[in-house]
N, C-alpha and C. Protein backbone atom coordinates (compact mmCIF):
# COMPACT_ATOMS: atom_id res chain seq x y z
N MET A 1 164.51 66.81 89.97
CA MET A 1 164.41 67.95 90.86
C MET A 1 164.90 69.21 90.13
N LYS A 2 164.12 70.27 90.24
CA LYS A 2 164.45 71.51 89.55
C LYS A 2 165.69 72.16 90.16
N LYS A 3 166.56 72.65 89.29
CA LYS A 3 167.78 73.34 89.72
C LYS A 3 167.62 74.83 89.48
N ILE A 4 168.21 75.62 90.37
CA ILE A 4 168.17 77.07 90.22
C ILE A 4 169.58 77.63 90.43
N LEU A 5 169.81 78.83 89.92
CA LEU A 5 171.09 79.49 90.10
C LEU A 5 171.01 80.44 91.29
N TYR A 6 172.04 80.41 92.11
CA TYR A 6 172.12 81.23 93.32
C TYR A 6 173.37 82.09 93.25
N PHE A 7 173.22 83.39 93.52
CA PHE A 7 174.32 84.35 93.51
C PHE A 7 174.73 84.62 94.96
N ALA A 8 175.93 84.16 95.33
CA ALA A 8 176.45 84.31 96.69
C ALA A 8 177.45 85.45 96.72
N TYR A 9 177.20 86.46 97.55
CA TYR A 9 178.08 87.64 97.57
C TYR A 9 178.75 87.86 98.93
N ALA A 10 178.39 87.07 99.93
CA ALA A 10 178.93 87.31 101.27
C ALA A 10 179.64 86.05 101.77
N SER A 11 179.31 85.57 102.96
CA SER A 11 180.05 84.42 103.50
C SER A 11 179.86 83.15 102.67
N ASN A 12 178.77 83.05 101.92
CA ASN A 12 178.57 81.89 101.05
C ASN A 12 179.50 81.91 99.84
N LEU A 13 180.24 82.99 99.66
CA LEU A 13 181.30 83.01 98.64
C LEU A 13 182.32 81.92 98.93
N LYS A 14 182.58 81.69 100.19
CA LYS A 14 183.56 80.68 100.59
C LYS A 14 182.94 79.30 100.37
N GLN A 15 183.41 78.61 99.33
CA GLN A 15 182.75 77.38 98.91
C GLN A 15 182.68 76.33 100.02
N GLU A 16 183.75 76.19 100.78
CA GLU A 16 183.76 75.22 101.88
C GLU A 16 182.65 75.50 102.89
N LEU A 17 182.47 76.76 103.24
CA LEU A 17 181.44 77.16 104.19
C LEU A 17 180.05 76.95 103.59
N PHE A 18 179.89 77.32 102.32
CA PHE A 18 178.62 77.14 101.63
C PHE A 18 178.23 75.66 101.61
N GLU A 19 179.19 74.80 101.28
CA GLU A 19 178.91 73.36 101.22
C GLU A 19 178.64 72.78 102.61
N GLU A 20 179.29 73.33 103.62
CA GLU A 20 179.01 72.91 105.00
C GLU A 20 177.57 73.24 105.36
N ARG A 21 177.12 74.42 104.97
CA ARG A 21 175.74 74.83 105.24
C ARG A 21 174.74 73.97 104.46
N LEU A 22 175.10 73.62 103.24
CA LEU A 22 174.23 72.78 102.41
C LEU A 22 174.20 71.33 102.89
N GLY A 23 175.32 70.89 103.43
CA GLY A 23 175.45 69.50 103.81
C GLY A 23 175.83 68.61 102.65
N ARG A 24 176.34 69.21 101.59
CA ARG A 24 176.76 68.45 100.41
C ARG A 24 177.62 69.34 99.51
N THR A 25 178.18 68.74 98.47
CA THR A 25 178.99 69.47 97.51
C THR A 25 178.09 70.38 96.67
N ALA A 26 178.56 71.59 96.41
CA ALA A 26 177.81 72.55 95.58
C ALA A 26 178.42 72.62 94.20
N GLU A 27 177.57 72.82 93.21
CA GLU A 27 178.07 72.94 91.84
C GLU A 27 178.34 74.41 91.53
N TYR A 28 179.61 74.76 91.51
CA TYR A 28 180.05 76.13 91.22
C TYR A 28 179.98 76.36 89.72
N LYS A 29 179.35 77.46 89.32
CA LYS A 29 179.18 77.77 87.90
C LYS A 29 180.07 78.90 87.40
N GLY A 30 180.62 79.70 88.31
CA GLY A 30 181.49 80.80 87.89
C GLY A 30 181.26 82.05 88.71
N VAL A 31 182.01 83.09 88.36
CA VAL A 31 181.89 84.40 89.00
C VAL A 31 180.93 85.25 88.19
N GLY A 32 180.14 86.05 88.87
CA GLY A 32 179.23 86.96 88.21
C GLY A 32 179.31 88.34 88.83
N ILE A 33 178.76 89.30 88.10
CA ILE A 33 178.72 90.68 88.57
C ILE A 33 177.27 91.16 88.53
N LEU A 34 176.82 91.71 89.64
CA LEU A 34 175.49 92.31 89.74
C LEU A 34 175.65 93.82 89.62
N PRO A 35 175.27 94.38 88.45
CA PRO A 35 175.43 95.82 88.27
C PRO A 35 174.35 96.62 89.01
N LYS A 36 174.69 97.86 89.30
CA LYS A 36 173.78 98.83 89.91
C LYS A 36 173.35 98.45 91.32
N TYR A 37 174.21 97.69 91.99
CA TYR A 37 174.03 97.37 93.41
C TYR A 37 175.36 97.59 94.11
N GLY A 38 175.30 97.89 95.40
CA GLY A 38 176.50 98.06 96.19
C GLY A 38 176.50 97.14 97.40
N PHE A 39 177.68 96.72 97.81
CA PHE A 39 177.87 95.85 98.97
C PHE A 39 177.87 96.69 100.24
N ARG A 40 177.12 96.27 101.26
CA ARG A 40 177.08 96.98 102.53
C ARG A 40 177.09 95.99 103.69
N PHE A 41 177.48 96.48 104.86
CA PHE A 41 177.30 95.76 106.11
C PHE A 41 176.24 96.53 106.89
N ASN A 42 174.98 96.24 106.64
CA ASN A 42 173.92 97.00 107.29
C ASN A 42 172.72 96.14 107.70
N HIS A 43 172.87 94.82 107.64
CA HIS A 43 171.79 93.94 108.11
C HIS A 43 172.07 93.61 109.57
N PRO A 44 171.22 94.09 110.50
CA PRO A 44 171.50 93.91 111.93
C PRO A 44 171.22 92.49 112.42
N MET A 45 172.12 92.02 113.27
CA MET A 45 171.95 90.73 113.93
C MET A 45 171.60 90.98 115.40
N GLU A 46 171.06 89.97 116.05
CA GLU A 46 170.65 90.11 117.45
C GLU A 46 171.79 90.48 118.37
N ASP A 47 173.02 90.06 118.03
CA ASP A 47 174.18 90.35 118.89
C ASP A 47 174.76 91.75 118.65
N GLY A 48 174.13 92.53 117.76
CA GLY A 48 174.60 93.88 117.48
C GLY A 48 175.57 93.97 116.32
N SER A 49 176.00 92.84 115.81
CA SER A 49 176.92 92.85 114.66
C SER A 49 176.12 92.99 113.36
N ALA A 50 176.85 93.16 112.28
CA ALA A 50 176.23 93.32 110.97
C ALA A 50 176.49 92.11 110.10
N ARG A 51 175.55 91.87 109.21
CA ARG A 51 175.73 90.91 108.12
C ARG A 51 175.70 91.71 106.83
N ALA A 52 176.21 91.09 105.79
CA ALA A 52 176.28 91.76 104.49
C ALA A 52 174.89 91.90 103.88
N ASN A 53 174.82 92.86 102.99
CA ASN A 53 173.59 93.14 102.26
C ASN A 53 174.00 93.80 100.95
N ILE A 54 173.10 93.80 100.01
CA ILE A 54 173.32 94.56 98.78
C ILE A 54 172.17 95.53 98.62
N VAL A 55 172.50 96.73 98.19
CA VAL A 55 171.51 97.80 98.04
C VAL A 55 171.61 98.40 96.65
N SER A 56 170.50 98.90 96.18
CA SER A 56 170.48 99.56 94.88
C SER A 56 171.43 100.76 94.90
N SER A 57 172.31 100.82 93.91
CA SER A 57 173.30 101.90 93.83
C SER A 57 173.76 102.00 92.38
N PRO A 58 173.32 103.02 91.65
CA PRO A 58 173.53 103.08 90.20
C PRO A 58 174.97 103.05 89.72
N ASN A 59 175.93 103.45 90.56
CA ASN A 59 177.32 103.52 90.10
C ASN A 59 178.22 102.44 90.71
N GLU A 60 177.62 101.41 91.28
CA GLU A 60 178.41 100.34 91.89
C GLU A 60 178.05 98.99 91.27
N HIS A 61 178.79 97.97 91.67
CA HIS A 61 178.48 96.60 91.27
C HIS A 61 178.98 95.66 92.36
N VAL A 62 178.40 94.47 92.39
CA VAL A 62 178.73 93.46 93.39
C VAL A 62 179.21 92.21 92.68
N TYR A 63 180.34 91.69 93.13
CA TYR A 63 180.85 90.41 92.61
C TYR A 63 180.30 89.28 93.47
N GLY A 64 180.15 88.11 92.86
CA GLY A 64 179.71 86.96 93.62
C GLY A 64 179.97 85.66 92.90
N ALA A 65 179.79 84.57 93.62
CA ALA A 65 179.91 83.23 93.06
C ALA A 65 178.53 82.75 92.66
N ILE A 66 178.46 82.07 91.54
CA ILE A 66 177.19 81.50 91.08
C ILE A 66 177.25 79.99 91.32
N TYR A 67 176.25 79.51 92.05
CA TYR A 67 176.13 78.08 92.33
C TYR A 67 174.80 77.58 91.77
N GLU A 68 174.78 76.33 91.38
CA GLU A 68 173.52 75.69 91.02
C GLU A 68 173.05 74.91 92.24
N ILE A 69 171.84 75.20 92.69
CA ILE A 69 171.28 74.53 93.86
C ILE A 69 169.90 73.98 93.53
N SER A 70 169.39 73.14 94.41
CA SER A 70 168.05 72.57 94.23
C SER A 70 167.01 73.45 94.92
N GLU A 71 165.75 73.20 94.60
CA GLU A 71 164.65 73.89 95.29
C GLU A 71 164.71 73.58 96.80
N GLU A 72 165.08 72.35 97.13
CA GLU A 72 165.21 71.95 98.53
C GLU A 72 166.29 72.78 99.23
N ASP A 73 167.41 72.99 98.53
CA ASP A 73 168.48 73.83 99.08
C ASP A 73 167.97 75.24 99.33
N LEU A 74 167.21 75.77 98.38
CA LEU A 74 166.67 77.12 98.52
C LEU A 74 165.77 77.20 99.76
N GLN A 75 164.91 76.21 99.95
CA GLN A 75 164.03 76.20 101.12
C GLN A 75 164.85 76.21 102.42
N HIS A 76 165.95 75.46 102.42
CA HIS A 76 166.85 75.44 103.58
C HIS A 76 167.38 76.85 103.87
N PHE A 77 167.83 77.55 102.82
CA PHE A 77 168.37 78.89 103.02
C PHE A 77 167.29 79.89 103.40
N LEU A 78 166.10 79.73 102.86
CA LEU A 78 165.01 80.64 103.22
C LEU A 78 164.71 80.55 104.72
N LYS A 79 164.85 79.36 105.29
CA LYS A 79 164.62 79.18 106.72
C LYS A 79 165.79 79.68 107.56
N ASN A 80 166.99 79.71 106.97
CA ASN A 80 168.20 80.01 107.73
C ASN A 80 168.83 81.37 107.42
N GLU A 81 168.14 82.20 106.68
CA GLU A 81 168.61 83.56 106.40
C GLU A 81 167.56 84.54 106.92
N PRO A 82 167.39 84.63 108.24
CA PRO A 82 166.33 85.47 108.80
C PRO A 82 166.50 86.94 108.44
N GLY A 83 165.37 87.55 108.08
CA GLY A 83 165.38 88.97 107.77
C GLY A 83 165.74 89.31 106.34
N TYR A 84 166.08 88.32 105.55
CA TYR A 84 166.42 88.56 104.15
C TYR A 84 165.27 88.14 103.24
N ASN A 85 165.14 88.83 102.13
CA ASN A 85 164.18 88.46 101.09
C ASN A 85 164.94 87.85 99.93
N TYR A 86 164.38 86.82 99.35
CA TYR A 86 164.98 86.16 98.18
C TYR A 86 164.44 86.85 96.93
N GLN A 87 165.33 87.20 96.02
CA GLN A 87 164.93 87.95 94.83
C GLN A 87 165.75 87.50 93.61
N GLN A 88 165.11 87.47 92.46
CA GLN A 88 165.81 87.18 91.20
C GLN A 88 166.48 88.47 90.72
N VAL A 89 167.72 88.35 90.26
CA VAL A 89 168.47 89.50 89.76
C VAL A 89 169.19 89.11 88.47
N ASP A 90 169.54 90.11 87.67
CA ASP A 90 170.29 89.89 86.43
C ASP A 90 171.78 89.96 86.73
N ILE A 91 172.47 88.87 86.46
CA ILE A 91 173.90 88.76 86.72
C ILE A 91 174.65 88.72 85.40
N HIS A 92 175.73 89.47 85.32
CA HIS A 92 176.57 89.46 84.13
C HIS A 92 177.71 88.47 84.35
N THR A 93 177.92 87.59 83.37
CA THR A 93 179.01 86.61 83.43
C THR A 93 179.83 86.74 82.15
N ASN A 94 180.93 86.00 82.10
CA ASN A 94 181.74 86.03 80.88
C ASN A 94 181.05 85.32 79.71
N LYS A 95 179.91 84.68 79.98
CA LYS A 95 179.13 84.01 78.93
C LYS A 95 177.84 84.76 78.61
N GLY A 96 177.65 85.93 79.21
CA GLY A 96 176.43 86.71 78.97
C GLY A 96 175.65 86.93 80.25
N LYS A 97 174.42 87.43 80.09
CA LYS A 97 173.57 87.76 81.22
C LYS A 97 172.72 86.55 81.60
N ILE A 98 172.59 86.31 82.91
CA ILE A 98 171.75 85.23 83.42
C ILE A 98 170.89 85.76 84.56
N GLN A 99 169.88 85.00 84.92
CA GLN A 99 169.08 85.30 86.10
C GLN A 99 169.49 84.35 87.21
N ALA A 100 169.65 84.89 88.41
CA ALA A 100 169.97 84.08 89.58
C ALA A 100 169.25 84.67 90.78
N GLY A 101 169.04 83.86 91.77
CA GLY A 101 168.42 84.33 93.00
C GLY A 101 169.48 84.74 94.00
N THR A 102 169.15 85.71 94.83
CA THR A 102 170.06 86.13 95.89
C THR A 102 169.23 86.67 97.05
N PHE A 103 169.91 86.99 98.15
CA PHE A 103 169.22 87.49 99.33
C PHE A 103 169.53 88.96 99.56
N LEU A 104 168.47 89.74 99.80
CA LEU A 104 168.58 91.16 100.11
C LEU A 104 167.82 91.43 101.40
N SER A 105 168.35 92.32 102.20
CA SER A 105 167.69 92.68 103.45
C SER A 105 166.99 94.02 103.31
N PRO A 106 165.73 94.10 103.74
CA PRO A 106 165.04 95.40 103.73
C PRO A 106 165.49 96.28 104.90
N GLU A 107 166.21 95.68 105.86
CA GLU A 107 166.71 96.43 107.01
C GLU A 107 168.07 97.03 106.66
N ASN A 108 168.18 98.33 106.76
CA ASN A 108 169.43 99.01 106.42
C ASN A 108 169.86 99.89 107.58
N GLN A 109 170.50 99.27 108.55
CA GLN A 109 170.92 99.99 109.76
C GLN A 109 172.36 100.49 109.59
N PRO A 110 172.58 101.79 109.72
CA PRO A 110 173.95 102.32 109.58
C PRO A 110 174.79 102.08 110.83
N ASN A 111 176.09 102.22 110.66
CA ASN A 111 177.05 102.19 111.77
C ASN A 111 177.04 100.90 112.58
N ILE A 112 176.89 99.78 111.89
CA ILE A 112 177.08 98.47 112.52
C ILE A 112 178.14 97.75 111.71
N PHE A 113 178.85 96.83 112.35
CA PHE A 113 180.01 96.23 111.72
C PHE A 113 180.01 94.71 111.90
N PRO A 114 180.61 93.99 110.97
CA PRO A 114 180.64 92.53 111.05
C PRO A 114 181.69 92.04 112.05
N SER A 115 181.52 90.80 112.47
CA SER A 115 182.55 90.16 113.29
C SER A 115 183.77 89.88 112.41
N GLU A 116 184.92 89.71 113.04
CA GLU A 116 186.14 89.39 112.29
C GLU A 116 186.01 88.06 111.56
N THR A 117 185.38 87.09 112.20
CA THR A 117 185.22 85.76 111.59
C THR A 117 184.35 85.84 110.34
N TYR A 118 183.26 86.58 110.44
CA TYR A 118 182.35 86.74 109.29
C TYR A 118 183.06 87.46 108.15
N LEU A 119 183.74 88.55 108.46
CA LEU A 119 184.49 89.28 107.44
C LEU A 119 185.53 88.38 106.79
N ALA A 120 186.26 87.62 107.59
CA ALA A 120 187.30 86.74 107.06
C ALA A 120 186.72 85.73 106.08
N SER A 121 185.53 85.20 106.37
CA SER A 121 184.93 84.22 105.45
C SER A 121 184.61 84.85 104.10
N ILE A 122 184.19 86.10 104.11
CA ILE A 122 183.89 86.80 102.85
C ILE A 122 185.17 87.03 102.06
N ILE A 123 186.20 87.53 102.72
CA ILE A 123 187.46 87.82 102.05
C ILE A 123 188.11 86.53 101.54
N GLU A 124 188.09 85.48 102.34
CA GLU A 124 188.65 84.19 101.90
C GLU A 124 187.91 83.67 100.67
N GLY A 125 186.59 83.78 100.68
CA GLY A 125 185.81 83.37 99.51
C GLY A 125 186.13 84.21 98.29
N GLY A 126 186.27 85.51 98.49
CA GLY A 126 186.62 86.39 97.38
C GLY A 126 187.97 86.06 96.79
N LYS A 127 188.93 85.75 97.65
CA LYS A 127 190.27 85.37 97.16
C LYS A 127 190.22 84.02 96.46
N GLN A 128 189.42 83.10 96.98
CA GLN A 128 189.27 81.78 96.37
C GLN A 128 188.84 81.90 94.91
N PHE A 129 187.94 82.83 94.63
CA PHE A 129 187.43 83.00 93.27
C PHE A 129 188.10 84.15 92.53
N LYS A 130 189.23 84.62 93.11
CA LYS A 130 190.06 85.63 92.47
C LYS A 130 189.29 86.92 92.12
N LEU A 131 188.47 87.37 93.06
CA LEU A 131 187.80 88.65 92.87
C LEU A 131 188.85 89.74 92.95
N PRO A 132 188.63 90.87 92.28
CA PRO A 132 189.64 91.93 92.26
C PRO A 132 190.02 92.42 93.66
N ASN A 133 191.31 92.65 93.87
CA ASN A 133 191.79 93.11 95.18
C ASN A 133 191.15 94.42 95.60
N ASP A 134 190.94 95.35 94.66
CA ASP A 134 190.34 96.63 95.05
C ASP A 134 188.90 96.43 95.52
N TYR A 135 188.20 95.48 94.96
CA TYR A 135 186.84 95.17 95.41
C TYR A 135 186.88 94.61 96.84
N LEU A 136 187.80 93.68 97.09
CA LEU A 136 187.92 93.10 98.43
C LEU A 136 188.38 94.15 99.44
N GLU A 137 189.27 95.04 99.04
CA GLU A 137 189.71 96.13 99.92
C GLU A 137 188.53 97.04 100.28
N ASN A 138 187.64 97.27 99.33
CA ASN A 138 186.46 98.09 99.58
C ASN A 138 185.56 97.42 100.63
N ILE A 139 185.42 96.10 100.55
CA ILE A 139 184.63 95.37 101.55
C ILE A 139 185.27 95.53 102.93
N VAL A 140 186.59 95.37 103.00
CA VAL A 140 187.29 95.53 104.28
C VAL A 140 187.09 96.95 104.81
N ASN A 141 187.20 97.94 103.95
CA ASN A 141 187.00 99.34 104.37
C ASN A 141 185.60 99.55 104.93
N ARG A 142 184.61 98.96 104.30
CA ARG A 142 183.22 99.10 104.77
C ARG A 142 183.00 98.40 106.11
N SER A 143 183.86 97.42 106.41
CA SER A 143 183.69 96.62 107.63
C SER A 143 184.17 97.33 108.88
N GLY A 144 184.97 98.37 108.71
CA GLY A 144 185.57 99.04 109.85
C GLY A 144 186.88 98.41 110.28
N ALA A 145 187.29 97.32 109.62
CA ALA A 145 188.56 96.66 109.95
C ALA A 145 189.72 97.53 109.47
N ARG A 146 190.87 97.36 110.10
CA ARG A 146 192.01 98.20 109.76
C ARG A 146 193.03 97.49 108.88
N ILE A 147 192.94 96.18 108.74
CA ILE A 147 193.96 95.43 108.01
C ILE A 147 193.32 94.65 106.88
N PHE A 148 193.96 94.63 105.74
CA PHE A 148 193.48 93.82 104.61
C PHE A 148 194.24 92.53 104.56
């Protein structure tokens, strides 16, 4: 079965949650950085809350976890990530540049905010992989939350 690399930048950063969604253990490959993109909460959900998204932004970058998944896993996520498009992106790692797939939303609705539970899963995942505190603080600031 063909394996692919997946760049998780939001709630799938939290390995336990990602594996729960997969229904099996995920093979973590390391932390990566997606240059020239910025993290946003602008993907609208039916309940009025926001989900994370990444948007083209020349002076920003997005941190994420890199997992190796199967084509079957990808099909599962394609069915369960409504409103997102799957796209290959260039990720920088401590071993060089790689290609990985990730999800981007074409919907960019301003002034919407994530639920506390969703935000917590992103921050917990970021801490799990020791992402920089200033990066995580920026995510919290974008969420509208008052406490880090």
